[in-house]
Amino acid sequence: MANQSKYFIATFLILNGIVLLGQVWPEGAPPFARVINIIVMASDFLYFFILLWHKIKNEKVSKL
């Protein structure tokens, strides 16, 4: 499970790097950059929402 998490975060870093490169150097962005931007924003939102949900869930359990 830990290896899957590492690969997942590495994929996020690579995709975020592509997004950042497209923002810094728009002329050099690949033609699929818009799709990558949308996928990265949606997946980042889901990832952080799930992290927050697990943290809130664990805090409620620890208070009991």
PDB file of N, CA and C in Angstrom:
ATOM      1  N   MET A   1       0.824  -1.196   0.000  1.00  0.00           N
ATOM      2  CA  MET A   1       0.000   0.000   0.000  1.00  0.00           C
ATOM      3  C   MET A   1       0.865   1.257   0.000  1.00  0.00           C
ATOM      4  N   ALA A   2       1.982   1.224   0.700  1.00  0.00           N
ATOM      5  CA  ALA A   2       2.857   2.397   0.758  1.00  0.00           C
ATOM      6  C   ALA A   2       3.439   2.707  -0.613  1.00  0.00           C
ATOM      7  N   ASN A   3       3.768   1.676  -1.406  1.00  0.00           N
ATOM      8  CA  ASN A   3       4.312   1.894  -2.739  1.00  0.00           C
ATOM      9  C   ASN A   3       3.287   2.535  -3.651  1.00  0.00           C
ATOM     10  N   GLN A   4       2.023   2.132  -3.514  1.00  0.00           N
ATOM     11  CA  GLN A   4       0.971   2.723  -4.330  1.00  0.00           C
ATOM     12  C   GLN A   4       0.833   4.206  -4.016  1.00  0.00           C
ATOM     13  N   SER A   5       0.939   4.561  -2.745  1.00  0.00           N
ATOM     14  CA  SER A   5       0.849   5.958  -2.351  1.00  0.00           C
ATOM     15  C   SER A   5       2.012   6.755  -2.938  1.00  0.00           C
ATOM     16  N   LYS A   6       3.198   6.190  -2.949  1.00  0.00           N
ATOM     17  CA  LYS A   6       4.363   6.867  -3.519  1.00  0.00           C
ATOM     18  C   LYS A   6       4.170   7.106  -5.014  1.00  0.00           C
ATOM     19  N   TYR A   7       3.654   6.113  -5.728  1.00  0.00           N
ATOM     20  CA  TYR A   7       3.422   6.266  -7.159  1.00  0.00           C
ATOM     21  C   TYR A   7       2.327   7.290  -7.430  1.00  0.00           C
ATOM     22  N   PHE A   8       1.319   7.301  -6.595  1.00  0.00           N
ATOM     23  CA  PHE A   8       0.218   8.241  -6.734  1.00  0.00           C
ATOM     24  C   PHE A   8       0.720   9.672  -6.542  1.00  0.00           C
ATOM     25  N   ILE A   9       1.514   9.906  -5.521  1.00  0.00           N
ATOM     26  CA  ILE A   9       2.055  11.238  -5.257  1.00  0.00           C
ATOM     27  C   ILE A   9       3.055  11.630  -6.343  1.00  0.00           C
ATOM     28  N   ALA A  10       3.850  10.681  -6.817  1.00  0.00           N
ATOM     29  CA  ALA A  10       4.787  10.979  -7.902  1.00  0.00           C
ATOM     30  C   ALA A  10       4.039  11.390  -9.161  1.00  0.00           C
ATOM     31  N   THR A  11       2.929  10.720  -9.455  1.00  0.00           N
ATOM     32  CA  THR A  11       2.109  11.088 -10.612  1.00  0.00           C
ATOM     33  C   THR A  11       1.545  12.491 -10.435  1.00  0.00           C
ATOM     34  N   PHE A  12       1.071  12.808  -9.232  1.00  0.00           N
ATOM     35  CA  PHE A  12       0.577  14.156  -8.948  1.00  0.00           C
ATOM     36  C   PHE A  12       1.671  15.192  -9.167  1.00  0.00           C
ATOM     37  N   LEU A  13       2.881  14.908  -8.711  1.00  0.00           N
ATOM     38  CA  LEU A  13       3.978  15.862  -8.873  1.00  0.00           C
ATOM     39  C   LEU A  13       4.308  16.086 -10.342  1.00  0.00           C
ATOM     40  N   ILE A  14       4.320  15.034 -11.125  1.00  0.00           N
ATOM     41  CA  ILE A  14       4.613  15.163 -12.555  1.00  0.00           C
ATOM     42  C   ILE A  14       3.532  15.975 -13.252  1.00  0.00           C
ATOM     43  N   LEU A  15       2.264  15.652 -12.970  1.00  0.00           N
ATOM     44  CA  LEU A  15       1.168  16.394 -13.596  1.00  0.00           C
ATOM     45  C   LEU A  15       1.161  17.855 -13.159  1.00  0.00           C
ATOM     46  N   ASN A  16       1.443  18.113 -11.884  1.00  0.00           N
ATOM     47  CA  ASN A  16       1.519  19.494 -11.416  1.00  0.00           C
ATOM     48  C   ASN A  16       2.689  20.224 -12.059  1.00  0.00           C
ATOM     49  N   GLY A  17       3.769  19.517 -12.316  1.00  0.00           N
ATOM     50  CA  GLY A  17       4.903  20.117 -13.027  1.00  0.00           C
ATOM     51  C   GLY A  17       4.527  20.526 -14.441  1.00  0.00           C
ATOM     52  N   ILE A  18       3.752  19.692 -15.128  1.00  0.00           N
ATOM     53  CA  ILE A  18       3.291  20.032 -16.477  1.00  0.00           C
ATOM     54  C   ILE A  18       2.394  21.260 -16.433  1.00  0.00           C
ATOM     55  N   VAL A  19       1.512  21.301 -15.431  1.00  0.00           N
ATOM     56  CA  VAL A  19       0.620  22.454 -15.283  1.00  0.00           C
ATOM     57  C   VAL A  19       1.432  23.721 -15.016  1.00  0.00           C
ATOM     58  N   LEU A  20       2.411  23.642 -14.115  1.00  0.00           N
ATOM     59  CA  LEU A  20       3.246  24.796 -13.807  1.00  0.00           C
ATOM     60  C   LEU A  20       4.042  25.240 -15.027  1.00  0.00           C
ATOM     61  N   LEU A  21       4.581  24.309 -15.767  1.00  0.00           N
ATOM     62  CA  LEU A  21       5.333  24.656 -16.972  1.00  0.00           C
ATOM     63  C   LEU A  21       4.430  25.378 -17.970  1.00  0.00           C
ATOM     64  N   GLY A  22       3.193  24.931 -18.095  1.00  0.00           N
ATOM     65  CA  GLY A  22       2.247  25.593 -18.994  1.00  0.00           C
ATOM     66  C   GLY A  22       1.900  26.997 -18.536  1.00  0.00           C
ATOM     67  N   GLN A  23       1.926  27.241 -17.234  1.00  0.00           N
ATOM     68  CA  GLN A  23       1.645  28.580 -16.723  1.00  0.00           C
ATOM     69  C   GLN A  23       2.844  29.511 -16.900  1.00  0.00           C
ATOM     70  N   VAL A  24       4.036  28.969 -16.703  1.00  0.00           N
ATOM     71  CA  VAL A  24       5.255  29.784 -16.807  1.00  0.00           C
ATOM     72  C   VAL A  24       5.623  30.038 -18.265  1.00  0.00           C
ATOM     73  N   TRP A  25       5.461  29.042 -19.107  1.00  0.00           N
ATOM     74  CA  TRP A  25       5.862  29.125 -20.516  1.00  0.00           C
ATOM     75  C   TRP A  25       4.717  28.627 -21.395  1.00  0.00           C
ATOM     76  N   PRO A  26       3.675  29.446 -21.588  1.00  0.00           N
ATOM     77  CA  PRO A  26       2.477  28.993 -22.303  1.00  0.00           C
ATOM     78  C   PRO A  26       2.738  28.561 -23.750  1.00  0.00           C
ATOM     79  N   GLU A  27       3.712  29.177 -24.406  1.00  0.00           N
ATOM     80  CA  GLU A  27       3.994  28.807 -25.796  1.00  0.00           C
ATOM     81  C   GLU A  27       4.541  27.386 -25.899  1.00  0.00           C
ATOM     82  N   GLY A  28       5.172  26.922 -24.847  1.00  0.00           N
ATOM     83  CA  GLY A  28       5.769  25.593 -24.864  1.00  0.00           C
ATOM     84  C   GLY A  28       4.847  24.503 -24.348  1.00  0.00           C
ATOM     85  N   ALA A  29       3.634  24.876 -23.977  1.00  0.00           N
ATOM     86  CA  ALA A  29       2.697  23.891 -23.441  1.00  0.00           C
ATOM     87  C   ALA A  29       2.244  22.938 -24.550  1.00  0.00           C
ATOM     88  N   PRO A  30       2.116  21.669 -24.226  1.00  0.00           N
ATOM     89  CA  PRO A  30       1.649  20.714 -25.230  1.00  0.00           C
ATOM     90  C   PRO A  30       0.179  20.964 -25.565  1.00  0.00           C
ATOM     91  N   PRO A  31      -0.289  20.434 -26.697  1.00  0.00           N
ATOM     92  CA  PRO A  31      -1.674  20.676 -27.105  1.00  0.00           C
ATOM     93  C   PRO A  31      -2.712  20.092 -26.124  1.00  0.00           C
ATOM     94  N   PHE A  32      -2.321  19.115 -25.343  1.00  0.00           N
ATOM     95  CA  PHE A  32      -3.245  18.496 -24.403  1.00  0.00           C
ATOM     96  C   PHE A  32      -3.178  19.144 -23.013  1.00  0.00           C
ATOM     97  N   ALA A  33      -2.535  20.300 -22.901  1.00  0.00           N
ATOM     98  CA  ALA A  33      -2.331  20.951 -21.606  1.00  0.00           C
ATOM     99  C   ALA A  33      -3.644  21.326 -20.927  1.00  0.00           C
ATOM    100  N   ARG A  34      -4.647  21.735 -21.694  1.00  0.00           N
ATOM    101  CA  ARG A  34      -5.932  22.108 -21.094  1.00  0.00           C
ATOM    102  C   ARG A  34      -6.564  20.911 -20.405  1.00  0.00           C
ATOM    103  N   VAL A  35      -6.507  19.758 -21.051  1.00  0.00           N
ATOM    104  CA  VAL A  35      -7.072  18.539 -20.465  1.00  0.00           C
ATOM    105  C   VAL A  35      -6.305  18.161 -19.199  1.00  0.00           C
ATOM    106  N   ILE A  36      -4.986  18.264 -19.248  1.00  0.00           N
ATOM    107  CA  ILE A  36      -4.157  17.965 -18.075  1.00  0.00           C
ATOM    108  C   ILE A  36      -4.503  18.906 -16.931  1.00  0.00           C
ATOM    109  N   ASN A  37      -4.682  20.200 -17.230  1.00  0.00           N
ATOM    110  CA  ASN A  37      -5.040  21.165 -16.190  1.00  0.00           C
ATOM    111  C   ASN A  37      -6.342  20.773 -15.500  1.00  0.00           C
ATOM    112  N   ILE A  38      -7.347  20.421 -16.263  1.00  0.00           N
ATOM    113  CA  ILE A  38      -8.642  20.052 -15.693  1.00  0.00           C
ATOM    114  C   ILE A  38      -8.529  18.780 -14.867  1.00  0.00           C
ATOM    115  N   ILE A  39      -7.815  17.788 -15.373  1.00  0.00           N
ATOM    116  CA  ILE A  39      -7.642  16.528 -14.644  1.00  0.00           C
ATOM    117  C   ILE A  39      -6.889  16.766 -13.331  1.00  0.00           C
ATOM    118  N   VAL A  40      -5.835  17.560 -13.386  1.00  0.00           N
ATOM    119  CA  VAL A  40      -5.037  17.831 -12.182  1.00  0.00           C
ATOM    120  C   VAL A  40      -5.861  18.583 -11.147  1.00  0.00           C
ATOM    121  N   MET A  41      -6.593  19.596 -11.575  1.00  0.00           N
ATOM    122  CA  MET A  41      -7.400  20.353 -10.610  1.00  0.00           C
ATOM    123  C   MET A  41      -8.455  19.468  -9.964  1.00  0.00           C
ATOM    124  N   ALA A  42      -9.125  18.647 -10.756  1.00  0.00           N
ATOM    125  CA  ALA A  42     -10.167  17.767 -10.206  1.00  0.00           C
ATOM    126  C   ALA A  42      -9.561  16.711  -9.287  1.00  0.00           C
ATOM    127  N   SER A  43      -8.468  16.103  -9.683  1.00  0.00           N
ATOM    128  CA  SER A  43      -7.864  15.058  -8.859  1.00  0.00           C
ATOM    129  C   SER A  43      -7.243  15.630  -7.583  1.00  0.00           C
ATOM    130  N   ASP A  44      -6.641  16.820  -7.666  1.00  0.00           N
ATOM    131  CA  ASP A  44      -6.111  17.466  -6.459  1.00  0.00           C
ATOM    132  C   ASP A  44      -7.240  17.762  -5.474  1.00  0.00           C
ATOM    133  N   PHE A  45      -8.354  18.284  -5.987  1.00  0.00           N
ATOM    134  CA  PHE A  45      -9.497  18.573  -5.134  1.00  0.00           C
ATOM    135  C   PHE A  45      -9.991  17.304  -4.445  1.00  0.00           C
ATOM    136  N   LEU A  46     -10.162  16.236  -5.205  1.00  0.00           N
ATOM    137  CA  LEU A  46     -10.619  14.972  -4.618  1.00  0.00           C
ATOM    138  C   LEU A  46      -9.631  14.434  -3.592  1.00  0.00           C
ATOM    139  N   TYR A  47      -8.346  14.472  -3.912  1.00  0.00           N
ATOM    140  CA  TYR A  47      -7.314  13.949  -3.019  1.00  0.00           C
ATOM    141  C   TYR A  47      -7.315  14.696  -1.684  1.00  0.00           C
ATOM    142  N   PHE A  48      -7.321  16.030  -1.751  1.00  0.00           N
ATOM    143  CA  PHE A  48      -7.289  16.810  -0.512  1.00  0.00           C
ATOM    144  C   PHE A  48      -8.602  16.729   0.255  1.00  0.00           C
ATOM    145  N   PHE A  49      -9.716  16.609  -0.457  1.00  0.00           N
ATOM    146  CA  PHE A  49     -11.002  16.424   0.212  1.00  0.00           C
ATOM    147  C   PHE A  49     -11.024  15.102   0.964  1.00  0.00           C
ATOM    148  N   ILE A  50     -10.508  14.046   0.363  1.00  0.00           N
ATOM    149  CA  ILE A  50     -10.457  12.736   1.023  1.00  0.00           C
ATOM    150  C   ILE A  50      -9.524  12.786   2.230  1.00  0.00           C
ATOM    151  N   LEU A  51      -8.369  13.442   2.107  1.00  0.00           N
ATOM    152  CA  LEU A  51      -7.464  13.595   3.253  1.00  0.00           C
ATOM    153  C   LEU A  51      -8.147  14.326   4.398  1.00  0.00           C
ATOM    154  N   LEU A  52      -8.835  15.411   4.079  1.00  0.00           N
ATOM    155  CA  LEU A  52      -9.537  16.171   5.098  1.00  0.00           C
ATOM    156  C   LEU A  52     -10.639  15.336   5.740  1.00  0.00           C
ATOM    157  N   TRP A  53     -11.376  14.595   4.935  1.00  0.00           N
ATOM    158  CA  TRP A  53     -12.459  13.748   5.443  1.00  0.00           C
ATOM    159  C   TRP A  53     -11.913  12.682   6.399  1.00  0.00           C
ATOM    160  N   HIS A  54     -10.798  12.054   6.032  1.00  0.00           N
ATOM    161  CA  HIS A  54     -10.192  11.047   6.910  1.00  0.00           C
ATOM    162  C   HIS A  54      -9.696  11.670   8.210  1.00  0.00           C
ATOM    163  N   LYS A  55      -9.142  12.879   8.122  1.00  0.00           N
ATOM    164  CA  LYS A  55      -8.647  13.543   9.329  1.00  0.00           C
ATOM    165  C   LYS A  55      -9.810  13.874  10.270  1.00  0.00           C
ATOM    166  N   ILE A  56     -10.893  14.393   9.728  1.00  0.00           N
ATOM    167  CA  ILE A  56     -12.062  14.708  10.554  1.00  0.00           C
ATOM    168  C   ILE A  56     -12.648  13.430  11.158  1.00  0.00           C
ATOM    169  N   LYS A  57     -12.713  12.392  10.362  1.00  0.00           N
ATOM    170  CA  LYS A  57     -13.234  11.108  10.825  1.00  0.00           C
ATOM    171  C   LYS A  57     -12.378  10.554  11.959  1.00  0.00           C
ATOM    172  N   ASN A  58     -11.057  10.629  11.832  1.00  0.00           N
ATOM    173  CA  ASN A  58     -10.148  10.111  12.862  1.00  0.00           C
ATOM    174  C   ASN A  58     -10.222  10.949  14.126  1.00  0.00           C
ATOM    175  N   GLU A  59     -10.427  12.251  14.017  1.00  0.00           N
ATOM    176  CA  GLU A  59     -10.546  13.096  15.200  1.00  0.00           C
ATOM    177  C   GLU A  59     -11.818  12.760  15.977  1.00  0.00           C
ATOM    178  N   LYS A  60     -12.894  12.473  15.271  1.00  0.00           N
ATOM    179  CA  LYS A  60     -14.135  12.101  15.951  1.00  0.00           C
ATOM    180  C   LYS A  60     -13.983  10.773  16.677  1.00  0.00           C
ATOM    181  N   VAL A  61     -13.270   9.841  16.079  1.00  0.00           N
ATOM    182  CA  VAL A  61     -13.064   8.536  16.704  1.00  0.00           C
ATOM    183  C   VAL A  61     -12.172   8.679  17.924  1.00  0.00           C
ATOM    184  N   SER A  62     -11.133   9.514  17.846  1.00  0.00           N
ATOM    185  CA  SER A  62     -10.203   9.657  18.959  1.00  0.00           C
ATOM    186  C   SER A  62     -10.855  10.387  20.139  1.00  0.00           C
ATOM    187  N   LYS A  63     -11.856  11.200  19.906  1.00  0.00           N
ATOM    188  CA  LYS A  63     -12.550  11.901  20.989  1.00  0.00           C
ATOM    189  C   LYS A  63     -13.461  10.971  21.764  1.00  0.00           C
ATOM    190  N   LEU A  64     -13.873   9.903  21.130  1.00  0.00           N
ATOM    191  CA  LEU A  64     -14.752   8.951  21.817  1.00  0.00           C
ATOM    192  C   LEU A  64     -13.941   8.142  22.762  1.00  0.00           C
TER     193      LEU A  64
END
